[in-house]
Amino acid sequence: MANLTNSPGVGADSTAVYGLYKEVFEEGIAEGVNNSNPLSDLFKMEKIDYKGGKGHTFTAHVGRNPSPFFGGEDGAMAVAGAQRHINGTVHIRKMTARIRLTQESMDDSVSSVAAWRSAKKDEMTRIIDDIAKREEFALSCDGRGILALLSGTPTTTTVELDSPGNIAGSSFGNRFFQVGMYIAAINPADGSLRTSIRKVVALSDDGTDITVDAATFTGWADNDYVVQAANSSVADVLDTSYEHAYHGLTALIDDGTNRANYFEIQRSLAPSYKSYVLASVGALATDTMQRTADVLYQKLGGEVDMLLMHPSVRREFLKLTEADRRYMYGPTSSKNTDPGTAAIKQGDITLGEVPVKAIRTLGLDQVYFLDTKRMGAKQYVAEPGRFVDDDGSILVRDGVGDNARHAFEAWWFARKQNFVANPAVCARWDGVTGMTLVVVPEL
């Protein structure tokens, strides 16, 4: 018999009892994505019920009768003239989304004992947040669904990009890409689809490029438009996002640079549908801001009541008054002086009582001058958004015959279009310089 007093004193240490331990989870699911959409929340549009048919046709008065004439006694009268009107048509656009769930993923997550949340509920509710994020992207762009431009012709799986959202600029080209997206290249000369479809597998931290699944890029060329593709087998531009997105600010507030044809109206023939656009602004200056506001007033009686800009541009705006800023407390006050502004808490600052709002999803070097009272911002809505259930069920079986799987899909869709009735009372600046851009991918 062993002498117990001389045995090693190991006993029940943590290694020995490890099988008894339980994993300890924090309550709830931590939210690791940003679900706020500041531009959509701010840029409120009147909702118009879209009636279908060939689209909503609108008529605009765009020209005067030139015959009013100062004449002498018994003198000739000016030749009779006429008012000038023009018609345009708003056509609706569609966005879709899709989820897929296996039977097991739904069944095994029903109980709160087994899962933090039902997989079915999680997928069907969070896809709505993802849809809203894609709408936010559309509202800041020109409706062509362009994620960025190719910066050079790609030859490896690393694809260099610039001009995010088709807004000119060398920085943050991968701004609107997501891992898992399929992407295609569009020839900007004729809108045709290049051959190869690639899948995004990684985004660079510096914002300059993406990594894709393979290095085959048949026909891809420098400055091609990069757009989202539905899947890896796409062979028709119809199955990409090109020219299928809702119109955003760079189309609505434009002089023809991005949208020469504005809902079937040629902007060159109807100045009342041309916004005042400065293409290469350079450094911010209050004099240039005042000049822009004056142009809108002189042209169509516009009165600027809101300025929108990216946070990096706002920092340049703050510098304009930094040297002249004065503290509100005197030298004998016990209160501390505050060198900052409301911007530190993302509050509004002002220019002549006009609120200056920083919107993180706007173009990196843009400023918008809006007359929200006169611009006539509208959103035509055929379907605000719902899961397809026309056959009586939201969840449908995945596949038939040899392709059948014990899984279910659900499809979501919306049909909308954004419109501004009076673009000429608003202005846009492009090409603001001097900013220190910090590349911060939005989660």
Protein backbone atom coordinates (compact mmCIF):
# COMPACT_ATOMS: atom_id res chain seq x y z
CA MET A 1 0.00 0.00 0.00
CA ALA A 2 1.26 3.45 -0.93
CA ASN A 3 2.18 5.87 1.77
CA LEU A 4 -0.45 8.67 1.26
CA THR A 5 1.56 11.18 3.20
CA ASN A 6 4.29 10.96 0.58
CA SER A 7 1.97 11.19 -2.53
CA PRO A 8 2.18 14.28 -4.76
CA GLY A 9 -0.46 16.86 -3.76
CA VAL A 10 -2.04 17.36 -7.20
CA GLY A 11 -5.72 16.89 -6.38
CA ALA A 12 -8.50 18.74 -8.27
CA ASP A 13 -6.75 21.61 -10.08
CA SER A 14 -8.32 23.55 -12.96
CA THR A 15 -6.98 21.11 -15.54
CA ALA A 16 -8.52 18.16 -13.81
CA VAL A 17 -11.97 19.76 -13.46
CA TYR A 18 -12.00 21.57 -16.83
CA GLY A 19 -14.81 19.35 -18.06
CA LEU A 20 -17.07 20.80 -15.38
CA TYR A 21 -16.62 24.39 -16.51
CA LYS A 22 -19.33 26.20 -18.49
CA GLU A 23 -18.86 28.98 -21.00
CA VAL A 24 -20.08 32.28 -19.58
CA PHE A 25 -21.73 34.63 -22.10
CA GLU A 26 -22.58 38.28 -21.73
CA GLU A 27 -26.27 39.05 -22.02
CA GLY A 28 -27.55 39.95 -25.50
CA ILE A 29 -25.82 40.40 -28.84
CA ALA A 30 -23.35 43.25 -29.19
CA GLU A 31 -24.10 45.52 -32.18
CA GLY A 32 -20.97 45.74 -34.30
CA VAL A 33 -22.34 47.63 -37.31
CA ASN A 34 -23.43 51.23 -37.75
CA ASN A 35 -27.16 51.34 -38.47
CA SER A 36 -27.65 55.11 -38.51
CA ASN A 37 -28.29 56.71 -41.90
CA PRO A 38 -27.81 60.47 -41.42
CA LEU A 39 -28.46 61.58 -45.00
CA SER A 40 -31.71 59.64 -45.29
CA ASP A 41 -32.80 60.90 -41.88
CA LEU A 42 -32.04 64.50 -42.78
CA PHE A 43 -33.03 64.77 -46.44
CA LYS A 44 -36.76 64.44 -46.04
CA MET A 45 -38.78 64.00 -49.23
CA GLU A 46 -42.49 64.25 -49.81
CA LYS A 47 -43.84 60.76 -50.48
CA ILE A 48 -45.76 60.51 -53.77
CA ASP A 49 -47.89 57.47 -54.56
CA TYR A 50 -46.60 56.12 -57.87
CA LYS A 51 -49.57 55.15 -60.05
CA GLY A 52 -47.73 52.93 -62.54
CA GLY A 53 -48.42 53.04 -66.26
CA LYS A 54 -45.74 54.71 -68.38
CA GLY A 55 -44.48 56.71 -65.43
CA HIS A 56 -45.39 60.04 -63.86
CA THR A 57 -45.21 62.85 -66.42
CA PHE A 58 -44.70 66.37 -65.12
CA THR A 59 -44.95 69.69 -66.91
CA ALA A 60 -42.75 72.67 -66.12
CA HIS A 61 -43.00 76.32 -67.14
CA VAL A 62 -39.47 77.14 -68.31
CA GLY A 63 -39.75 80.18 -70.60
CA ARG A 64 -41.51 83.54 -70.90
CA ASN A 65 -43.37 85.30 -73.69
CA PRO A 66 -40.77 87.76 -75.08
CA SER A 67 -43.32 90.19 -76.57
CA PRO A 68 -43.62 92.82 -73.79
CA PHE A 69 -42.24 95.92 -75.55
CA PHE A 70 -41.85 99.66 -74.91
CA GLY A 71 -43.05 101.41 -78.07
CA GLY A 72 -43.80 104.89 -79.43
CA GLU A 73 -47.15 106.40 -80.38
CA ASP A 74 -48.62 104.51 -83.32
CA GLY A 75 -45.45 102.46 -83.48
CA ALA A 76 -45.19 98.77 -84.23
CA MET A 77 -45.83 96.15 -81.58
CA ALA A 78 -43.41 93.34 -80.93
CA VAL A 79 -44.00 90.00 -82.59
CA ALA A 80 -46.30 87.77 -80.53
CA GLY A 81 -44.57 85.22 -78.41
CA ALA A 82 -45.67 82.33 -76.19
CA GLN A 83 -44.96 80.73 -72.88
CA ARG A 84 -42.58 77.79 -72.98
CA HIS A 85 -43.31 74.50 -71.26
CA ILE A 86 -41.49 71.21 -71.14
CA ASN A 87 -42.46 67.68 -70.11
CA GLY A 88 -40.50 65.06 -68.23
CA THR A 89 -41.26 61.59 -66.90
CA VAL A 90 -40.28 59.95 -63.63
CA HIS A 91 -39.63 56.21 -63.98
CA ILE A 92 -39.47 53.99 -60.93
CA ARG A 93 -36.46 51.87 -59.89
CA LYS A 94 -36.19 48.72 -57.83
CA MET A 95 -34.01 47.32 -55.08
CA THR A 96 -34.13 43.70 -53.93
CA ALA A 97 -32.64 41.65 -51.12
CA ARG A 98 -32.58 37.95 -50.38
CA ILE A 99 -32.05 35.63 -47.42
CA ARG A 100 -31.67 31.83 -47.16
CA LEU A 101 -32.15 29.63 -44.11
CA THR A 102 -31.83 25.88 -43.62
CA GLN A 103 -34.49 24.06 -41.64
CA GLU A 104 -31.97 23.25 -38.92
CA SER A 105 -30.85 26.87 -38.52
CA MET A 106 -34.46 27.87 -37.83
CA ASP A 107 -35.43 24.93 -35.64
CA ASP A 108 -32.28 24.94 -33.48
CA SER A 109 -32.52 28.67 -32.69
CA VAL A 110 -36.18 28.87 -31.68
CA SER A 111 -35.60 28.41 -27.94
CA SER A 112 -33.92 31.12 -25.88
CA VAL A 113 -32.13 28.31 -24.07
CA ALA A 114 -30.41 27.26 -27.29
CA ALA A 115 -29.76 30.63 -28.98
CA TRP A 116 -29.66 34.32 -28.19
CA ARG A 117 -32.12 35.00 -30.95
CA SER A 118 -34.14 33.18 -33.58
CA ALA A 119 -32.07 32.89 -36.76
CA LYS A 120 -35.20 33.54 -38.82
CA LYS A 121 -36.03 36.71 -36.90
CA ASP A 122 -32.41 37.87 -36.93
CA GLU A 123 -32.02 37.48 -40.68
CA MET A 124 -35.39 38.99 -41.56
CA THR A 125 -35.03 42.05 -39.35
CA ARG A 126 -31.36 42.84 -39.87
CA ILE A 127 -31.69 42.65 -43.66
CA ILE A 128 -33.91 45.75 -43.34
CA ASP A 129 -30.97 47.61 -41.77
CA ASP A 130 -28.75 46.45 -44.63
CA ILE A 131 -31.29 47.67 -47.18
CA ALA A 132 -31.43 51.08 -45.49
CA LYS A 133 -27.64 51.28 -45.69
CA ARG A 134 -27.73 50.63 -49.43
CA GLU A 135 -30.39 53.34 -49.85
CA GLU A 136 -28.10 55.73 -47.98
CA PHE A 137 -25.37 54.98 -50.52
CA ALA A 138 -27.77 55.65 -53.39
CA LEU A 139 -28.86 58.99 -51.93
CA SER A 140 -25.28 60.28 -51.99
CA CYS A 141 -24.60 59.21 -55.61
CA ASP A 142 -25.91 59.71 -59.16
CA GLY A 143 -28.21 56.71 -59.66
CA ARG A 144 -25.82 54.69 -61.79
CA GLY A 145 -24.94 52.31 -58.97
CA ILE A 146 -21.21 52.93 -59.45
CA LEU A 147 -19.17 51.85 -56.43
CA ALA A 148 -15.88 53.31 -57.69
CA LEU A 149 -13.64 53.63 -60.75
CA LEU A 150 -10.69 51.39 -61.58
CA SER A 151 -7.39 53.13 -60.88
CA GLY A 152 -5.28 51.41 -63.50
CA THR A 153 -5.87 48.09 -65.24
CA PRO A 154 -5.81 45.26 -62.66
CA THR A 155 -3.38 42.38 -63.20
CA THR A 156 -3.37 40.71 -59.76
CA THR A 157 -6.04 39.98 -57.17
CA THR A 158 -5.40 43.42 -55.70
CA VAL A 159 -7.64 45.94 -57.50
CA GLU A 160 -6.77 49.63 -57.11
CA LEU A 161 -9.72 52.04 -56.97
CA ASP A 162 -10.53 55.74 -56.87
CA SER A 163 -13.55 58.08 -57.21
CA PRO A 164 -15.84 56.32 -54.71
CA GLY A 165 -19.48 56.58 -55.78
CA ASN A 166 -18.32 58.08 -59.10
CA ILE A 167 -17.39 61.29 -57.28
CA ALA A 168 -13.96 62.37 -58.50
CA GLY A 169 -11.14 61.90 -56.00
CA SER A 170 -8.07 59.77 -55.43
CA SER A 171 -8.84 58.76 -51.83
CA PHE A 172 -10.89 55.99 -50.25
CA GLY A 173 -11.74 54.12 -53.44
CA ASN A 174 -13.05 51.06 -51.58
CA ARG A 175 -15.44 53.15 -49.47
CA PHE A 176 -18.69 51.53 -50.69
CA PHE A 177 -17.54 47.93 -51.14
CA GLN A 178 -18.40 45.00 -48.89
CA VAL A 179 -16.71 41.65 -48.49
CA GLY A 180 -18.80 39.01 -50.27
CA MET A 181 -20.03 41.30 -53.06
CA TYR A 182 -19.77 40.19 -56.66
CA ILE A 183 -18.54 43.02 -58.86
CA ALA A 184 -18.43 43.79 -62.56
CA ALA A 185 -16.71 46.36 -64.74
CA ILE A 186 -18.65 48.62 -67.10
CA ASN A 187 -17.16 50.31 -70.16
CA PRO A 188 -17.87 54.02 -69.52
CA ALA A 189 -17.85 54.78 -73.25
CA ASP A 190 -20.94 52.73 -74.09
CA GLY A 191 -22.25 51.18 -70.86
CA SER A 192 -21.38 47.64 -71.94
CA LEU A 193 -20.42 44.88 -69.53
CA ARG A 194 -16.84 43.59 -69.42
CA THR A 195 -16.50 39.82 -69.35
CA SER A 196 -15.12 38.79 -65.95
CA ILE A 197 -17.11 38.82 -62.70
CA ARG A 198 -15.14 38.89 -59.47
CA LYS A 199 -15.93 38.45 -55.78
CA VAL A 200 -14.61 40.80 -53.08
CA VAL A 201 -12.74 38.89 -50.37
CA ALA A 202 -11.00 41.73 -48.50
CA LEU A 203 -10.76 45.52 -48.21
CA SER A 204 -7.51 47.34 -47.54
CA ASP A 205 -7.33 49.44 -44.37
CA ASP A 206 -5.95 52.45 -46.24
CA GLY A 207 -9.02 52.54 -48.50
CA THR A 208 -7.12 52.33 -51.78
CA ASP A 209 -7.95 48.81 -52.97
CA ILE A 210 -9.87 45.57 -52.64
CA THR A 211 -8.77 41.96 -52.92
CA VAL A 212 -10.79 39.69 -55.18
CA ASP A 213 -11.05 35.93 -55.63
CA ALA A 214 -9.02 35.58 -58.85
CA ALA A 215 -6.79 37.59 -61.18
CA THR A 216 -8.81 37.20 -64.39
CA PHE A 217 -10.07 40.57 -65.68
CA THR A 218 -11.01 40.11 -69.34
CA GLY A 219 -11.40 43.52 -70.91
CA TRP A 220 -11.18 45.50 -67.66
CA ALA A 221 -9.46 48.87 -68.13
CA ASP A 222 -8.42 52.00 -66.27
CA ASN A 223 -11.37 54.22 -65.28
CA ASP A 224 -13.97 51.53 -65.89
CA TYR A 225 -17.03 51.79 -63.66
CA VAL A 226 -17.08 49.11 -60.96
CA VAL A 227 -20.61 48.06 -60.03
CA GLN A 228 -22.27 45.30 -58.04
CA ALA A 229 -23.22 42.12 -59.89
CA ALA A 230 -25.97 39.72 -58.82
CA ASN A 231 -23.78 36.60 -58.87
CA SER A 232 -20.68 35.01 -60.39
CA SER A 233 -22.45 33.99 -63.61
CA VAL A 234 -23.67 37.42 -64.74
CA ALA A 235 -23.29 37.97 -68.50
CA ASP A 236 -25.74 40.85 -69.05
CA VAL A 237 -25.61 44.40 -67.72
CA LEU A 238 -29.26 43.94 -66.74
CA ASP A 239 -28.05 41.71 -63.90
CA THR A 240 -25.83 44.41 -62.40
CA SER A 241 -26.64 47.55 -60.43
CA TYR A 242 -25.55 49.78 -63.32
CA GLU A 243 -28.21 52.44 -64.02
CA HIS A 244 -30.62 50.75 -61.64
CA ALA A 245 -30.13 52.73 -58.39
CA TYR A 246 -32.35 55.49 -57.08
CA HIS A 247 -31.17 58.97 -58.06
CA GLY A 248 -29.13 60.64 -55.33
CA LEU A 249 -27.89 64.17 -54.66
CA THR A 250 -25.16 64.17 -57.32
CA ALA A 251 -27.88 63.57 -59.94
CA LEU A 252 -30.63 65.71 -58.43
CA ILE A 253 -28.41 68.72 -57.64
CA ASP A 254 -26.49 68.83 -60.91
CA ASP A 255 -25.85 70.97 -63.98
CA GLY A 256 -25.64 68.13 -66.49
CA THR A 257 -22.19 66.92 -65.48
CA ASN A 258 -23.57 63.67 -64.04
CA ARG A 259 -27.10 63.70 -65.47
CA ALA A 260 -27.44 65.66 -68.70
CA ASN A 261 -30.80 63.95 -69.20
CA TYR A 262 -32.88 64.70 -66.13
CA PHE A 263 -35.98 62.52 -66.25
CA GLU A 264 -36.20 62.99 -70.05
CA ILE A 265 -35.45 66.72 -69.88
CA GLN A 266 -32.22 67.90 -71.46
CA ARG A 267 -30.75 70.21 -68.85
CA SER A 268 -28.93 72.20 -71.56
CA LEU A 269 -32.35 73.21 -72.95
CA ALA A 270 -34.00 73.96 -69.60
CA PRO A 271 -31.82 76.11 -67.31
CA SER A 272 -34.40 75.88 -64.52
CA TYR A 273 -33.37 72.23 -64.15
CA LYS A 274 -29.67 73.06 -63.89
CA SER A 275 -28.20 73.53 -60.46
CA TYR A 276 -25.30 75.90 -59.93
CA VAL A 277 -22.21 73.67 -59.76
CA LEU A 278 -18.62 74.72 -59.08
CA ALA A 279 -16.36 71.94 -60.29
CA SER A 280 -12.96 72.81 -58.79
CA VAL A 281 -13.57 74.93 -55.72
CA GLY A 282 -10.20 74.66 -54.03
CA ALA A 283 -9.88 76.01 -50.50
CA LEU A 284 -13.03 77.00 -48.62
CA ALA A 285 -13.79 80.71 -48.47
CA THR A 286 -16.80 82.52 -47.03
CA ASP A 287 -16.79 84.93 -49.98
CA THR A 288 -17.28 82.03 -52.39
CA MET A 289 -20.05 80.69 -50.19
CA GLN A 290 -21.83 84.04 -50.26
CA ARG A 291 -21.38 84.26 -54.02
CA THR A 292 -22.98 80.84 -54.41
CA ALA A 293 -25.95 81.87 -52.29
CA ASP A 294 -26.32 85.08 -54.32
CA VAL A 295 -26.32 83.17 -57.61
CA LEU A 296 -29.21 81.01 -56.42
CA TYR A 297 -31.14 84.09 -55.33
CA GLN A 298 -30.52 85.91 -58.62
CA LYS A 299 -31.40 82.90 -60.76
CA LEU A 300 -34.67 81.64 -59.30
CA GLY A 301 -35.15 83.35 -55.93
CA GLY A 302 -33.41 80.58 -54.01
CA GLU A 303 -32.65 81.13 -50.34
CA VAL A 304 -30.14 78.74 -48.84
CA ASP A 305 -31.37 77.29 -45.54
CA MET A 306 -29.08 74.26 -45.17
CA LEU A 307 -25.46 73.37 -45.96
CA LEU A 308 -24.33 69.74 -46.17
CA MET A 309 -20.72 68.57 -46.19
CA HIS A 310 -18.51 65.64 -45.18
CA PRO A 311 -16.96 65.88 -41.67
CA SER A 312 -13.50 66.37 -43.21
CA VAL A 313 -14.81 69.43 -45.08
CA ARG A 314 -16.48 70.70 -41.93
CA ARG A 315 -13.12 70.72 -40.18
CA GLU A 316 -11.86 73.08 -42.87
CA PHE A 317 -14.95 75.23 -42.36
CA LEU A 318 -14.20 75.46 -38.63
CA LYS A 319 -10.72 76.75 -39.42
CA LEU A 320 -12.21 79.76 -41.20
CA THR A 321 -13.35 81.26 -37.90
CA GLU A 322 -10.89 79.70 -35.49
CA ALA A 323 -8.62 82.74 -35.29
CA ASP A 324 -11.55 85.07 -34.61
CA ARG A 325 -13.34 82.90 -32.07
CA ARG A 326 -13.74 84.49 -28.65
CA TYR A 327 -14.46 82.87 -25.31
CA MET A 328 -17.70 83.82 -23.60
CA TYR A 329 -16.28 83.94 -20.08
CA GLY A 330 -14.17 86.80 -18.73
CA PRO A 331 -10.68 86.45 -17.21
CA THR A 332 -12.06 86.47 -13.65
CA SER A 333 -14.62 83.74 -14.26
CA SER A 334 -14.11 80.46 -12.46
CA LYS A 335 -15.44 78.57 -15.47
CA ASN A 336 -13.00 76.99 -17.88
CA THR A 337 -12.70 78.34 -21.40
CA ASP A 338 -13.82 76.01 -24.19
CA PRO A 339 -11.88 76.13 -27.48
CA GLY A 340 -14.29 73.82 -29.30
CA THR A 341 -17.69 74.10 -30.95
CA ALA A 342 -20.91 72.10 -31.09
CA ALA A 343 -19.22 70.04 -33.82
CA ILE A 344 -17.33 68.03 -31.20
CA LYS A 345 -20.67 66.36 -30.34
CA GLN A 346 -21.69 66.27 -34.01
CA GLY A 347 -24.01 69.21 -33.46
CA ASP A 348 -24.75 71.83 -36.10
CA ILE A 349 -22.63 74.90 -36.59
CA THR A 350 -23.88 77.86 -38.63
CA LEU A 351 -23.03 80.19 -41.48
CA GLY A 352 -25.13 83.33 -41.20
CA GLU A 353 -27.75 81.42 -39.19
CA VAL A 354 -27.85 78.65 -41.81
CA PRO A 355 -27.16 75.25 -40.22
CA VAL A 356 -24.04 73.48 -41.44
CA LYS A 357 -24.53 69.73 -41.18
CA ALA A 358 -21.80 67.12 -41.46
CA ILE A 359 -22.94 63.92 -43.19
CA ARG A 360 -20.45 61.06 -43.25
CA THR A 361 -21.93 59.44 -46.37
CA LEU A 362 -21.56 62.51 -48.62
CA GLY A 363 -18.83 62.95 -51.22
CA LEU A 364 -15.49 63.56 -49.57
CA ASP A 365 -14.86 66.93 -51.24
CA GLN A 366 -18.39 68.24 -51.75
CA VAL A 367 -20.65 70.92 -50.28
CA TYR A 368 -24.39 71.18 -50.96
CA PHE A 369 -26.33 74.45 -50.71
CA LEU A 370 -30.01 73.60 -50.31
CA ASP A 371 -33.20 75.62 -50.34
CA THR A 372 -35.32 72.95 -48.69
CA LYS A 373 -38.50 75.04 -48.89
CA ARG A 374 -38.41 75.61 -52.67
CA MET A 375 -36.50 72.63 -54.06
CA GLY A 376 -39.52 70.32 -54.05
CA ALA A 377 -37.80 67.11 -52.93
CA LYS A 378 -40.04 64.11 -53.58
CA GLN A 379 -39.83 60.37 -53.50
CA TYR A 380 -42.15 58.47 -55.82
CA VAL A 381 -43.10 55.21 -54.16
CA ALA A 382 -44.70 52.24 -55.92
CA GLU A 383 -43.76 49.87 -53.10
CA PRO A 384 -42.12 51.16 -49.89
CA GLY A 385 -40.65 47.73 -49.18
CA ARG A 386 -41.91 44.29 -48.22
CA PHE A 387 -41.14 40.60 -48.37
CA VAL A 388 -42.66 38.92 -51.41
CA ASP A 389 -45.71 36.92 -50.38
CA ASP A 390 -47.90 37.04 -53.50
CA ASP A 391 -48.10 33.24 -53.56
CA GLY A 392 -49.26 33.12 -49.94
CA SER A 393 -45.93 32.48 -48.24
CA ILE A 394 -42.87 34.57 -47.45
CA LEU A 395 -40.57 31.57 -47.08
CA VAL A 396 -40.34 29.43 -50.21
CA ARG A 397 -38.56 26.12 -50.75
CA ASP A 398 -35.11 26.32 -52.27
CA GLY A 399 -34.89 24.46 -55.57
CA VAL A 400 -36.73 21.58 -57.21
CA GLY A 401 -35.77 18.15 -58.52
CA ASP A 402 -32.05 17.42 -58.40
CA ASN A 403 -31.39 20.99 -57.24
CA ALA A 404 -33.73 20.81 -54.23
CA ARG A 405 -32.31 21.61 -50.81
CA HIS A 406 -33.94 21.40 -47.38
CA ALA A 407 -33.78 25.16 -47.04
CA PHE A 408 -35.95 28.20 -47.59
CA GLU A 409 -35.54 31.62 -49.17
CA ALA A 410 -37.26 34.95 -48.67
CA TRP A 411 -37.17 37.86 -51.12
CA TRP A 412 -37.61 41.52 -50.26
CA PHE A 413 -38.13 44.39 -52.70
CA ALA A 414 -38.94 48.10 -52.93
CA ARG A 415 -39.76 50.30 -55.94
CA LYS A 416 -38.98 54.00 -55.60
CA GLN A 417 -37.38 57.01 -57.25
CA ASN A 418 -36.07 60.30 -55.86
CA PHE A 419 -36.84 63.60 -57.57
CA VAL A 420 -36.22 67.32 -57.06
CA ALA A 421 -38.72 69.59 -58.82
CA ASN A 422 -36.60 72.78 -58.67
CA PRO A 423 -32.88 71.90 -58.82
CA ALA A 424 -31.97 75.48 -59.81
CA VAL A 425 -32.57 76.81 -56.29
CA CYS A 426 -29.75 74.55 -55.00
CA ALA A 427 -26.02 74.36 -55.64
CA ARG A 428 -23.19 71.88 -55.36
CA TRP A 429 -19.47 72.31 -54.88
CA ASP A 430 -16.99 69.68 -56.07
CA GLY A 431 -13.26 69.64 -55.62
CA VAL A 432 -12.88 71.25 -52.19
CA THR A 433 -9.23 70.98 -51.13
CA GLY A 434 -7.16 71.28 -47.96
CA MET A 435 -8.84 68.56 -45.94
CA THR A 436 -7.04 65.98 -43.84
CA LEU A 437 -9.01 62.86 -44.67
CA VAL A 438 -8.95 60.06 -42.14
CA VAL A 439 -9.94 56.82 -43.87
CA VAL A 440 -12.55 55.26 -41.61
CA PRO A 441 -14.46 52.36 -43.16
CA GLU A 442 -18.10 52.44 -42.10
CA LEU A 443 -19.09 49.21 -40.43
